[in-house]
């Protein structure tokens, strides 16, 4: 877990602001600074998103991630973003083969 605050609502909803006793947006920025390989979000539009957390998330997604998958979830969609330096292998595709490192390679 990237945070002790395992319930996403604690960090993402303004109605939960102050419930943890921390600056929730700062915690989101800390998590994002660790560059998780994948981020899963929702397309759900709410008036109660924590503005600071949402701002940090949107900035990070725009600069360092790309959308690789969406799926329907009730009335909205879940969206999966992959960090730009990670390879995406679509279902049914095979990963490109890479040479097996040897001691002579120094790896």
PDB file of N, CA and C in Angstrom:
ATOM      1  N   UNK A   1       0.833  -1.176   0.000  1.00  0.00           N
ATOM      2  CA  UNK A   1       0.000   0.000   0.000  1.00  0.00           C
ATOM      3  C   UNK A   1       0.881   1.245   0.000  1.00  0.00           C
ATOM      4  N   UNK A   2       0.578   2.194  -0.860  1.00  0.00           N
ATOM      5  CA  UNK A   2       1.393   3.406  -0.896  1.00  0.00           C
ATOM      6  C   UNK A   2       1.077   4.398   0.224  1.00  0.00           C
ATOM      7  N   UNK A   3       0.046   4.112   0.999  1.00  0.00           N
ATOM      8  CA  UNK A   3      -0.382   5.033   2.056  1.00  0.00           C
ATOM      9  C   UNK A   3      -1.104   4.262   3.155  1.00  0.00           C
ATOM     10  N   UNK A   4      -1.049   4.749   4.381  1.00  0.00           N
ATOM     11  CA  UNK A   4      -1.829   4.100   5.444  1.00  0.00           C
ATOM     12  C   UNK A   4      -3.326   4.405   5.339  1.00  0.00           C
ATOM     13  N   UNK A   5      -3.693   5.318   4.436  1.00  0.00           N
ATOM     14  CA  UNK A   5      -5.103   5.700   4.270  1.00  0.00           C
ATOM     15  C   UNK A   5      -5.672   4.910   3.107  1.00  0.00           C
ATOM     16  N   UNK A   6      -6.031   3.658   3.392  1.00  0.00           N
ATOM     17  CA  UNK A   6      -6.376   2.690   2.359  1.00  0.00           C
ATOM     18  C   UNK A   6      -7.712   2.941   1.681  1.00  0.00           C
ATOM     19  N   UNK A   7      -8.565   3.731   2.239  1.00  0.00           N
ATOM     20  CA  UNK A   7      -9.862   3.983   1.630  1.00  0.00           C
ATOM     21  C   UNK A   7      -9.754   5.227   0.755  1.00  0.00           C
ATOM     22  N   UNK A   8      -9.911   5.087  -0.563  1.00  0.00           N
ATOM     23  CA  UNK A   8      -9.707   6.222  -1.472  1.00  0.00           C
ATOM     24  C   UNK A   8     -10.517   7.466  -1.117  1.00  0.00           C
ATOM     25  N   UNK A   9     -11.718   7.292  -0.588  1.00  0.00           N
ATOM     26  CA  UNK A   9     -12.553   8.454  -0.259  1.00  0.00           C
ATOM     27  C   UNK A   9     -11.879   9.373   0.758  1.00  0.00           C
ATOM     28  N   UNK A  10     -11.061   8.824   1.632  1.00  0.00           N
ATOM     29  CA  UNK A  10     -10.400   9.652   2.640  1.00  0.00           C
ATOM     30  C   UNK A  10      -9.506  10.709   2.008  1.00  0.00           C
ATOM     31  N   UNK A  11      -8.938  10.395   0.847  1.00  0.00           N
ATOM     32  CA  UNK A  11      -8.017  11.315   0.197  1.00  0.00           C
ATOM     33  C   UNK A  11      -8.637  12.068  -0.970  1.00  0.00           C
ATOM     34  N   UNK A  12      -9.784  11.591  -1.463  1.00  0.00           N
ATOM     35  CA  UNK A  12     -10.322  12.166  -2.697  1.00  0.00           C
ATOM     36  C   UNK A  12     -11.584  13.007  -2.533  1.00  0.00           C
ATOM     37  N   UNK A  13     -12.283  12.876  -1.441  1.00  0.00           N
ATOM     38  CA  UNK A  13     -13.548  13.601  -1.296  1.00  0.00           C
ATOM     39  C   UNK A  13     -13.435  14.749  -0.301  1.00  0.00           C
ATOM     40  N   UNK A  14     -13.998  15.878  -0.668  1.00  0.00           N
ATOM     41  CA  UNK A  14     -13.947  17.045   0.220  1.00  0.00           C
ATOM     42  C   UNK A  14     -14.741  16.804   1.499  1.00  0.00           C
ATOM     43  N   UNK A  15     -15.735  15.932   1.444  1.00  0.00           N
ATOM     44  CA  UNK A  15     -16.529  15.632   2.635  1.00  0.00           C
ATOM     45  C   UNK A  15     -15.721  14.891   3.695  1.00  0.00           C
ATOM     46  N   UNK A  16     -14.580  14.330   3.289  1.00  0.00           N
ATOM     47  CA  UNK A  16     -13.708  13.615   4.227  1.00  0.00           C
ATOM     48  C   UNK A  16     -12.549  14.482   4.704  1.00  0.00           C
ATOM     49  N   UNK A  17     -12.457  15.713   4.181  1.00  0.00           N
ATOM     50  CA  UNK A  17     -11.343  16.579   4.552  1.00  0.00           C
ATOM     51  C   UNK A  17     -11.286  16.763   6.056  1.00  0.00           C
ATOM     52  N   UNK A  18     -10.103  16.536   6.615  1.00  0.00           N
ATOM     53  CA  UNK A  18      -9.906  16.668   8.049  1.00  0.00           C
ATOM     54  C   UNK A  18     -10.156  15.390   8.824  1.00  0.00           C
ATOM     55  N   UNK A  19     -10.779  14.399   8.208  1.00  0.00           N
ATOM     56  CA  UNK A  19     -11.093  13.159   8.926  1.00  0.00           C
ATOM     57  C   UNK A  19      -9.831  12.396   9.312  1.00  0.00           C
ATOM     58  N   UNK A  20      -8.782  12.546   8.527  1.00  0.00           N
ATOM     59  CA  UNK A  20      -7.552  11.804   8.788  1.00  0.00           C
ATOM     60  C   UNK A  20      -6.587  12.569   9.689  1.00  0.00           C
ATOM     61  N   UNK A  21      -6.808  13.859   9.829  1.00  0.00           N
ATOM     62  CA  UNK A  21      -5.896  14.680  10.611  1.00  0.00           C
ATOM     63  C   UNK A  21      -4.655  15.095   9.834  1.00  0.00           C
ATOM     64  N   UNK A  22      -4.656  14.854   8.522  1.00  0.00           N
ATOM     65  CA  UNK A  22      -3.531  15.241   7.670  1.00  0.00           C
ATOM     66  C   UNK A  22      -4.042  16.131   6.542  1.00  0.00           C
ATOM     67  N   UNK A  23      -3.115  16.674   5.773  1.00  0.00           N
ATOM     68  CA  UNK A  23      -3.461  17.388   4.548  1.00  0.00           C
ATOM     69  C   UNK A  23      -3.606  16.328   3.461  1.00  0.00           C
ATOM     70  N   UNK A  24      -4.841  16.016   3.104  1.00  0.00           N
ATOM     71  CA  UNK A  24      -5.105  14.922   2.166  1.00  0.00           C
ATOM     72  C   UNK A  24      -4.465  15.169   0.805  1.00  0.00           C
ATOM     73  N   UNK A  25      -4.522  16.393   0.304  1.00  0.00           N
ATOM     74  CA  UNK A  25      -3.916  16.699  -0.999  1.00  0.00           C
ATOM     75  C   UNK A  25      -2.399  16.503  -0.943  1.00  0.00           C
ATOM     76  N   UNK A  26      -1.774  16.849   0.171  1.00  0.00           N
ATOM     77  CA  UNK A  26      -0.338  16.633   0.328  1.00  0.00           C
ATOM     78  C   UNK A  26      -0.018  15.136   0.310  1.00  0.00           C
ATOM     79  N   UNK A  27      -0.871  14.327   0.892  1.00  0.00           N
ATOM     80  CA  UNK A  27      -0.668  12.876   0.884  1.00  0.00           C
ATOM     81  C   UNK A  27      -0.798  12.337  -0.536  1.00  0.00           C
ATOM     82  N   UNK A  28      -1.758  12.845  -1.292  1.00  0.00           N
ATOM     83  CA  UNK A  28      -1.904  12.429  -2.693  1.00  0.00           C
ATOM     84  C   UNK A  28      -0.654  12.823  -3.478  1.00  0.00           C
ATOM     85  N   UNK A  29      -0.152  14.033  -3.271  1.00  0.00           N
ATOM     86  CA  UNK A  29       1.072  14.470  -3.954  1.00  0.00           C
ATOM     87  C   UNK A  29       2.259  13.576  -3.570  1.00  0.00           C
ATOM     88  N   UNK A  30       2.334  13.170  -2.304  1.00  0.00           N
ATOM     89  CA  UNK A  30       3.409  12.285  -1.859  1.00  0.00           C
ATOM     90  C   UNK A  30       3.322  10.938  -2.565  1.00  0.00           C
ATOM     91  N   UNK A  31       2.131  10.382  -2.646  1.00  0.00           N
ATOM     92  CA  UNK A  31       1.928   9.098  -3.329  1.00  0.00           C
ATOM     93  C   UNK A  31       2.334   9.218  -4.798  1.00  0.00           C
ATOM     94  N   UNK A  32       1.883  10.274  -5.449  1.00  0.00           N
ATOM     95  CA  UNK A  32       2.180  10.464  -6.868  1.00  0.00           C
ATOM     96  C   UNK A  32       3.666  10.712  -7.106  1.00  0.00           C
ATOM     97  N   UNK A  33       4.345  11.336  -6.162  1.00  0.00           N
ATOM     98  CA  UNK A  33       5.782  11.583  -6.284  1.00  0.00           C
ATOM     99  C   UNK A  33       6.578  10.281  -6.310  1.00  0.00           C
ATOM    100  N   UNK A  34       6.011   9.221  -5.759  1.00  0.00           N
ATOM    101  CA  UNK A  34       6.652   7.903  -5.787  1.00  0.00           C
ATOM    102  C   UNK A  34       6.467   7.196  -7.126  1.00  0.00           C
ATOM    103  N   UNK A  35       5.770   7.841  -8.051  1.00  0.00           N
ATOM    104  CA  UNK A  35       5.594   7.372  -9.421  1.00  0.00           C
ATOM    105  C   UNK A  35       5.030   5.950  -9.526  1.00  0.00           C
ATOM    106  N   UNK A  36       3.815   5.737  -9.040  1.00  0.00           N
ATOM    107  CA  UNK A  36       3.247   4.394  -9.179  1.00  0.00           C
ATOM    108  C   UNK A  36       3.171   4.010 -10.653  1.00  0.00           C
ATOM    109  N   UNK A  37       3.399   2.742 -10.987  1.00  0.00           N
ATOM    110  CA  UNK A  37       3.372   2.347 -12.398  1.00  0.00           C
ATOM    111  C   UNK A  37       1.986   2.460 -13.022  1.00  0.00           C
ATOM    112  N   UNK A  38       0.942   2.283 -12.216  1.00  0.00           N
ATOM    113  CA  UNK A  38      -0.433   2.307 -12.713  1.00  0.00           C
ATOM    114  C   UNK A  38      -1.285   3.137 -11.766  1.00  0.00           C
ATOM    115  N   UNK A  39      -2.215   3.898 -12.350  1.00  0.00           N
ATOM    116  CA  UNK A  39      -3.201   4.644 -11.563  1.00  0.00           C
ATOM    117  C   UNK A  39      -4.573   4.326 -12.128  1.00  0.00           C
ATOM    118  N   UNK A  40      -5.502   3.947 -11.259  1.00  0.00           N
ATOM    119  CA  UNK A  40      -6.879   3.657 -11.661  1.00  0.00           C
ATOM    120  C   UNK A  40      -7.764   4.768 -11.121  1.00  0.00           C
ATOM    121  N   UNK A  41      -8.551   5.361 -12.008  1.00  0.00           N
ATOM    122  CA  UNK A  41      -9.444   6.449 -11.634  1.00  0.00           C
ATOM    123  C   UNK A  41     -10.855   6.150 -12.114  1.00  0.00           C
ATOM    124  N   UNK A  42     -11.732   7.084 -11.860  1.00  0.00           N
ATOM    125  CA  UNK A  42     -13.111   6.994 -12.313  1.00  0.00           C
ATOM    126  C   UNK A  42     -13.450   8.233 -13.134  1.00  0.00           C
ATOM    127  N   UNK A  43     -14.336   8.067 -14.095  1.00  0.00           N
ATOM    128  CA  UNK A  43     -14.799   9.217 -14.873  1.00  0.00           C
ATOM    129  C   UNK A  43     -15.961   9.916 -14.167  1.00  0.00           C
ATOM    130  N   UNK A  44     -16.314   9.406 -13.018  1.00  0.00           N
ATOM    131  CA  UNK A  44     -17.448   9.959 -12.267  1.00  0.00           C
ATOM    132  C   UNK A  44     -17.218  11.425 -11.925  1.00  0.00           C
ATOM    133  N   UNK A  45     -18.190  12.250 -12.201  1.00  0.00           N
ATOM    134  CA  UNK A  45     -18.099  13.681 -11.909  1.00  0.00           C
ATOM    135  C   UNK A  45     -18.878  13.959 -10.632  1.00  0.00           C
ATOM    136  N   UNK A  46     -18.160  14.489  -9.658  1.00  0.00           N
ATOM    137  CA  UNK A  46     -18.780  14.813  -8.375  1.00  0.00           C
ATOM    138  C   UNK A  46     -18.427  16.238  -7.993  1.00  0.00           C
ATOM    139  N   UNK A  47     -19.326  16.872  -7.312  1.00  0.00           N
ATOM    140  CA  UNK A  47     -19.036  18.220  -6.817  1.00  0.00           C
ATOM    141  C   UNK A  47     -18.244  18.162  -5.513  1.00  0.00           C
ATOM    142  N   UNK A  48     -18.085  16.971  -4.973  1.00  0.00           N
ATOM    143  CA  UNK A  48     -17.409  16.852  -3.670  1.00  0.00           C
ATOM    144  C   UNK A  48     -15.991  16.296  -3.766  1.00  0.00           C
ATOM    145  N   UNK A  49     -15.393  16.280  -4.980  1.00  0.00           N
ATOM    146  CA  UNK A  49     -13.990  15.872  -5.058  1.00  0.00           C
ATOM    147  C   UNK A  49     -13.147  16.848  -4.263  1.00  0.00           C
ATOM    148  N   UNK A  50     -12.123  16.370  -3.614  1.00  0.00           N
ATOM    149  CA  UNK A  50     -11.155  17.218  -2.927  1.00  0.00           C
ATOM    150  C   UNK A  50     -10.376  17.950  -4.022  1.00  0.00           C
ATOM    151  N   UNK A  51     -10.519  19.260  -4.097  1.00  0.00           N
ATOM    152  CA  UNK A  51      -9.956  20.057  -5.192  1.00  0.00           C
ATOM    153  C   UNK A  51      -8.434  19.895  -5.277  1.00  0.00           C
ATOM    154  N   UNK A  52      -7.754  19.951  -4.151  1.00  0.00           N
ATOM    155  CA  UNK A  52      -6.290  19.815  -4.156  1.00  0.00           C
ATOM    156  C   UNK A  52      -5.835  18.451  -4.621  1.00  0.00           C
ATOM    157  N   UNK A  53      -6.512  17.402  -4.172  1.00  0.00           N
ATOM    158  CA  UNK A  53      -6.167  16.036  -4.588  1.00  0.00           C
ATOM    159  C   UNK A  53      -6.426  15.851  -6.079  1.00  0.00           C
ATOM    160  N   UNK A  54      -7.565  16.344  -6.547  1.00  0.00           N
ATOM    161  CA  UNK A  54      -7.920  16.208  -7.960  1.00  0.00           C
ATOM    162  C   UNK A  54      -6.950  16.984  -8.842  1.00  0.00           C
ATOM    163  N   UNK A  55      -6.566  18.172  -8.421  1.00  0.00           N
ATOM    164  CA  UNK A  55      -5.612  18.984  -9.181  1.00  0.00           C
ATOM    165  C   UNK A  55      -4.271  18.252  -9.312  1.00  0.00           C
ATOM    166  N   UNK A  56      -3.784  17.669  -8.221  1.00  0.00           N
ATOM    167  CA  UNK A  56      -2.519  16.935  -8.251  1.00  0.00           C
ATOM    168  C   UNK A  56      -2.609  15.718  -9.170  1.00  0.00           C
ATOM    169  N   UNK A  57      -3.711  14.998  -9.077  1.00  0.00           N
ATOM    170  CA  UNK A  57      -3.899  13.812  -9.902  1.00  0.00           C
ATOM    171  C   UNK A  57      -3.940  14.183 -11.382  1.00  0.00           C
ATOM    172  N   UNK A  58      -4.741  15.182 -11.740  1.00  0.00           N
ATOM    173  CA  UNK A  58      -4.871  15.567 -13.149  1.00  0.00           C
ATOM    174  C   UNK A  58      -3.536  16.035 -13.728  1.00  0.00           C
ATOM    175  N   UNK A  59      -2.777  16.790 -12.962  1.00  0.00           N
ATOM    176  CA  UNK A  59      -1.480  17.276 -13.443  1.00  0.00           C
ATOM    177  C   UNK A  59      -0.525  16.114 -13.689  1.00  0.00           C
ATOM    178  N   UNK A  60      -0.509  15.164 -12.773  1.00  0.00           N
ATOM    179  CA  UNK A  60       0.375  14.006 -12.914  1.00  0.00           C
ATOM    180  C   UNK A  60      -0.032  13.142 -14.090  1.00  0.00           C
ATOM    181  N   UNK A  61      -1.330  12.889 -14.233  1.00  0.00           N
ATOM    182  CA  UNK A  61      -1.797  12.077 -15.355  1.00  0.00           C
ATOM    183  C   UNK A  61      -1.448  12.736 -16.684  1.00  0.00           C
ATOM    184  N   UNK A  62      -1.611  14.041 -16.770  1.00  0.00           N
ATOM    185  CA  UNK A  62      -1.339  14.757 -18.018  1.00  0.00           C
ATOM    186  C   UNK A  62       0.135  14.732 -18.393  1.00  0.00           C
ATOM    187  N   UNK A  63       1.012  14.752 -17.402  1.00  0.00           N
ATOM    188  CA  UNK A  63       2.439  14.850 -17.713  1.00  0.00           C
ATOM    189  C   UNK A  63       3.162  13.513 -17.775  1.00  0.00           C
ATOM    190  N   UNK A  64       2.713  12.520 -17.019  1.00  0.00           N
ATOM    191  CA  UNK A  64       3.525  11.302 -16.871  1.00  0.00           C
ATOM    192  C   UNK A  64       2.825   9.986 -17.187  1.00  0.00           C
ATOM    193  N   UNK A  65       1.556  10.014 -17.567  1.00  0.00           N
ATOM    194  CA  UNK A  65       0.794   8.777 -17.752  1.00  0.00           C
ATOM    195  C   UNK A  65      -0.001   8.814 -19.042  1.00  0.00           C
ATOM    196  N   UNK A  66      -0.401   7.629 -19.492  1.00  0.00           N
ATOM    197  CA  UNK A  66      -1.280   7.534 -20.653  1.00  0.00           C
ATOM    198  C   UNK A  66      -2.406   6.554 -20.347  1.00  0.00           C
ATOM    199  N   UNK A  67      -3.564   6.830 -20.901  1.00  0.00           N
ATOM    200  CA  UNK A  67      -4.734   5.977 -20.721  1.00  0.00           C
ATOM    201  C   UNK A  67      -4.539   4.708 -21.544  1.00  0.00           C
ATOM    202  N   UNK A  68      -4.681   3.545 -20.886  1.00  0.00           N
ATOM    203  CA  UNK A  68      -4.507   2.278 -21.605  1.00  0.00           C
ATOM    204  C   UNK A  68      -5.757   1.401 -21.589  1.00  0.00           C
ATOM    205  N   UNK A  69      -6.713   1.718 -20.725  1.00  0.00           N
ATOM    206  CA  UNK A  69      -7.893   0.850 -20.633  1.00  0.00           C
ATOM    207  C   UNK A  69      -9.009   1.568 -19.911  1.00  0.00           C
ATOM    208  N   UNK A  70     -10.234   1.361 -20.363  1.00  0.00           N
ATOM    209  CA  UNK A  70     -11.416   1.801 -19.622  1.00  0.00           C
ATOM    210  C   UNK A  70     -12.436   0.674 -19.633  1.00  0.00           C
ATOM    211  N   UNK A  71     -13.272   0.658 -18.614  1.00  0.00           N
ATOM    212  CA  UNK A  71     -14.352  -0.316 -18.554  1.00  0.00           C
ATOM    213  C   UNK A  71     -15.531   0.304 -17.824  1.00  0.00           C
ATOM    214  N   UNK A  72     -16.715  -0.131 -18.191  1.00  0.00           N
ATOM    215  CA  UNK A  72     -17.926   0.394 -17.582  1.00  0.00           C
ATOM    216  C   UNK A  72     -18.013  -0.053 -16.131  1.00  0.00           C
ATOM    217  N   UNK A  73     -18.433   0.873 -15.281  1.00  0.00           N
ATOM    218  CA  UNK A  73     -18.645   0.579 -13.857  1.00  0.00           C
ATOM    219  C   UNK A  73     -19.874   1.356 -13.427  1.00  0.00           C
ATOM    220  N   UNK A  74     -20.982   0.661 -13.311  1.00  0.00           N
ATOM    221  CA  UNK A  74     -22.267   1.285 -13.022  1.00  0.00           C
ATOM    222  C   UNK A  74     -22.570   2.338 -14.078  1.00  0.00           C
ATOM    223  N   UNK A  75     -22.749   3.596 -13.691  1.00  0.00           N
ATOM    224  CA  UNK A  75     -23.088   4.648 -14.661  1.00  0.00           C
ATOM    225  C   UNK A  75     -21.853   5.311 -15.264  1.00  0.00           C
ATOM    226  N   UNK A  76     -20.700   5.032 -14.718  1.00  0.00           N
ATOM    227  CA  UNK A  76     -19.477   5.702 -15.136  1.00  0.00           C
ATOM    228  C   UNK A  76     -18.486   4.688 -15.686  1.00  0.00           C
ATOM    229  N   UNK A  77     -17.237   5.100 -15.818  1.00  0.00           N
ATOM    230  CA  UNK A  77     -16.188   4.211 -16.297  1.00  0.00           C
ATOM    231  C   UNK A  77     -15.000   4.261 -15.349  1.00  0.00           C
ATOM    232  N   UNK A  78     -14.334   3.138 -15.212  1.00  0.00           N
ATOM    233  CA  UNK A  78     -13.039   3.102 -14.547  1.00  0.00           C
ATOM    234  C   UNK A  78     -11.997   3.267 -15.640  1.00  0.00           C
ATOM    235  N   UNK A  79     -10.966   4.036 -15.341  1.00  0.00           N
ATOM    236  CA  UNK A  79      -9.916   4.299 -16.320  1.00  0.00           C
ATOM    237  C   UNK A  79      -8.574   3.883 -15.727  1.00  0.00           C
ATOM    238  N   UNK A  80      -7.779   3.185 -16.526  1.00  0.00           N
ATOM    239  CA  UNK A  80      -6.467   2.718 -16.092  1.00  0.00           C
ATOM    240  C   UNK A  80      -5.406   3.493 -16.871  1.00  0.00           C
ATOM    241  N   UNK A  81      -4.528   4.147 -16.119  1.00  0.00           N
ATOM    242  CA  UNK A  81      -3.430   4.913 -16.705  1.00  0.00           C
ATOM    243  C   UNK A  81      -2.121   4.205 -16.388  1.00  0.00           C
ATOM    244  N   UNK A  82      -1.245   4.150 -17.391  1.00  0.00           N
ATOM    245  CA  UNK A  82       0.058   3.517 -17.256  1.00  0.00           C
ATOM    246  C   UNK A  82       1.128   4.599 -17.372  1.00  0.00           C
ATOM    247  N   UNK A  83       2.126   4.521 -16.512  1.00  0.00           N
ATOM    248  CA  UNK A  83       3.212   5.498 -16.557  1.00  0.00           C
ATOM    249  C   UNK A  83       3.894   5.440 -17.924  1.00  0.00           C
ATOM    250  N   UNK A  84       4.254   6.591 -18.454  1.00  0.00           N
ATOM    251  CA  UNK A  84       4.784   6.684 -19.817  1.00  0.00           C
ATOM    252  C   UNK A  84       6.029   5.844 -20.065  1.00  0.00           C
ATOM    253  N   UNK A  85       6.825   5.576 -19.043  1.00  0.00           N
ATOM    254  CA  UNK A  85       8.040   4.800 -19.260  1.00  0.00           C
ATOM    255  C   UNK A  85       7.813   3.292 -19.155  1.00  0.00           C
ATOM    256  N   UNK A  86       6.579   2.890 -19.001  1.00  0.00           N
ATOM    257  CA  UNK A  86       6.237   1.464 -18.908  1.00  0.00           C
ATOM    258  C   UNK A  86       5.642   0.988 -20.232  1.00  0.00           C
ATOM    259  N   UNK A  87       5.942  -0.266 -20.578  1.00  0.00           N
ATOM    260  CA  UNK A  87       5.417  -0.840 -21.805  1.00  0.00           C
ATOM    261  C   UNK A  87       4.009  -1.398 -21.553  1.00  0.00           C
ATOM    262  N   UNK A  88       3.125  -1.137 -22.490  1.00  0.00           N
ATOM    263  CA  UNK A  88       1.773  -1.691 -22.411  1.00  0.00           C
ATOM    264  C   UNK A  88       1.671  -2.851 -23.378  1.00  0.00           C
ATOM    265  N   UNK A  89       1.199  -3.968 -22.883  1.00  0.00           N
ATOM    266  CA  UNK A  89       0.965  -5.140 -23.709  1.00  0.00           C
ATOM    267  C   UNK A  89      -0.522  -5.412 -23.682  1.00  0.00           C
ATOM    268  N   UNK A  90      -1.171  -5.183 -24.797  1.00  0.00           N
ATOM    269  CA  UNK A  90      -2.620  -5.355 -24.890  1.00  0.00           C
ATOM    270  C   UNK A  90      -2.980  -6.826 -24.749  1.00  0.00           C
ATOM    271  N   UNK A  91      -4.179  -7.105 -24.242  1.00  0.00           N
ATOM    272  CA  UNK A  91      -4.617  -8.498 -24.145  1.00  0.00           C
ATOM    273  C   UNK A  91      -4.498  -9.188 -25.506  1.00  0.00           C
ATOM    274  N   UNK A  92      -3.951 -10.386 -25.493  1.00  0.00           N
ATOM    275  CA  UNK A  92      -3.784 -11.147 -26.726  1.00  0.00           C
ATOM    276  C   UNK A  92      -2.454 -10.889 -27.420  1.00  0.00           C
ATOM    277  N   UNK A  93      -1.713  -9.874 -26.974  1.00  0.00           N
ATOM    278  CA  UNK A  93      -0.400  -9.603 -27.560  1.00  0.00           C
ATOM    279  C   UNK A  93       0.677 -10.247 -26.703  1.00  0.00           C
ATOM    280  N   UNK A  94       1.821 -10.446 -27.294  1.00  0.00           N
ATOM    281  CA  UNK A  94       2.954 -11.005 -26.566  1.00  0.00           C
ATOM    282  C   UNK A  94       3.980  -9.913 -26.341  1.00  0.00           C
ATOM    283  N   UNK A  95       4.659 -10.020 -25.242  1.00  0.00           N
ATOM    284  CA  UNK A  95       5.737  -9.070 -24.950  1.00  0.00           C
ATOM    285  C   UNK A  95       6.878  -9.316 -25.916  1.00  0.00           C
ATOM    286  N   UNK A  96       7.527  -8.243 -26.354  1.00  0.00           N
ATOM    287  CA  UNK A  96       8.692  -8.458 -27.221  1.00  0.00           C
ATOM    288  C   UNK A  96       9.755  -9.223 -26.445  1.00  0.00           C
ATOM    289  N   UNK A  97      10.416 -10.134 -27.141  1.00  0.00           N
ATOM    290  CA  UNK A  97      11.446 -10.916 -26.452  1.00  0.00           C
ATOM    291  C   UNK A  97      12.676 -10.044 -26.256  1.00  0.00           C
ATOM    292  N   UNK A  98      13.276 -10.229 -25.112  1.00  0.00           N
ATOM    293  CA  UNK A  98      14.509  -9.502 -24.825  1.00  0.00           C
ATOM    294  C   UNK A  98      15.582 -10.523 -24.518  1.00  0.00           C
ATOM    295  N   UNK A  99      16.824 -10.174 -24.805  1.00  0.00           N
ATOM    296  CA  UNK A  99      17.888 -11.146 -24.540  1.00  0.00           C
ATOM    297  C   UNK A  99      18.001 -11.469 -23.068  1.00  0.00           C
ATOM    298  N   UNK A 100      18.331 -12.702 -22.783  1.00  0.00           N
ATOM    299  CA  UNK A 100      18.540 -13.127 -21.401  1.00  0.00           C
ATOM    300  C   UNK A 100      19.897 -12.599 -20.968  1.00  0.00           C
ATOM    301  N   UNK A 101      19.942 -11.842 -19.864  1.00  0.00           N
ATOM    302  CA  UNK A 101      21.236 -11.300 -19.423  1.00  0.00           C
ATOM    303  C   UNK A 101      22.194 -12.416 -19.040  1.00  0.00           C
ATOM    304  N   UNK A 102      23.438 -12.196 -19.340  1.00  0.00           N
ATOM    305  CA  UNK A 102      24.478 -13.168 -18.962  1.00  0.00           C
ATOM    306  C   UNK A 102      25.528 -12.456 -18.131  1.00  0.00           C
ATOM    307  N   UNK A 103      26.390 -13.221 -17.503  1.00  0.00           N
ATOM    308  CA  UNK A 103      27.456 -12.650 -16.682  1.00  0.00           C
ATOM    309  C   UNK A 103      28.378 -11.796 -17.557  1.00  0.00           C
ATOM    310  N   UNK A 104      28.561 -12.189 -18.826  1.00  0.00           N
ATOM    311  CA  UNK A 104      29.428 -11.437 -19.737  1.00  0.00           C
ATOM    312  C   UNK A 104      28.868 -10.055 -20.032  1.00  0.00           C
ATOM    313  N   UNK A 105      27.545  -9.909 -19.959  1.00  0.00           N
ATOM    314  CA  UNK A 105      26.903  -8.613 -20.180  1.00  0.00           C
ATOM    315  C   UNK A 105      27.090  -7.680 -19.004  1.00  0.00           C
ATOM    316  N   UNK A 106      27.530  -8.229 -17.895  1.00  0.00           N
ATOM    317  CA  UNK A 106      27.680  -7.416 -16.696  1.00  0.00           C
ATOM    318  C   UNK A 106      26.352  -7.091 -16.024  1.00  0.00           C
ATOM    319  N   UNK A 107      25.328  -7.870 -16.341  1.00  0.00           N
ATOM    320  CA  UNK A 107      24.011  -7.619 -15.732  1.00  0.00           C
ATOM    321  C   UNK A 107      23.669  -8.701 -14.765  1.00  0.00           C
TER     322      UNK A 107
END
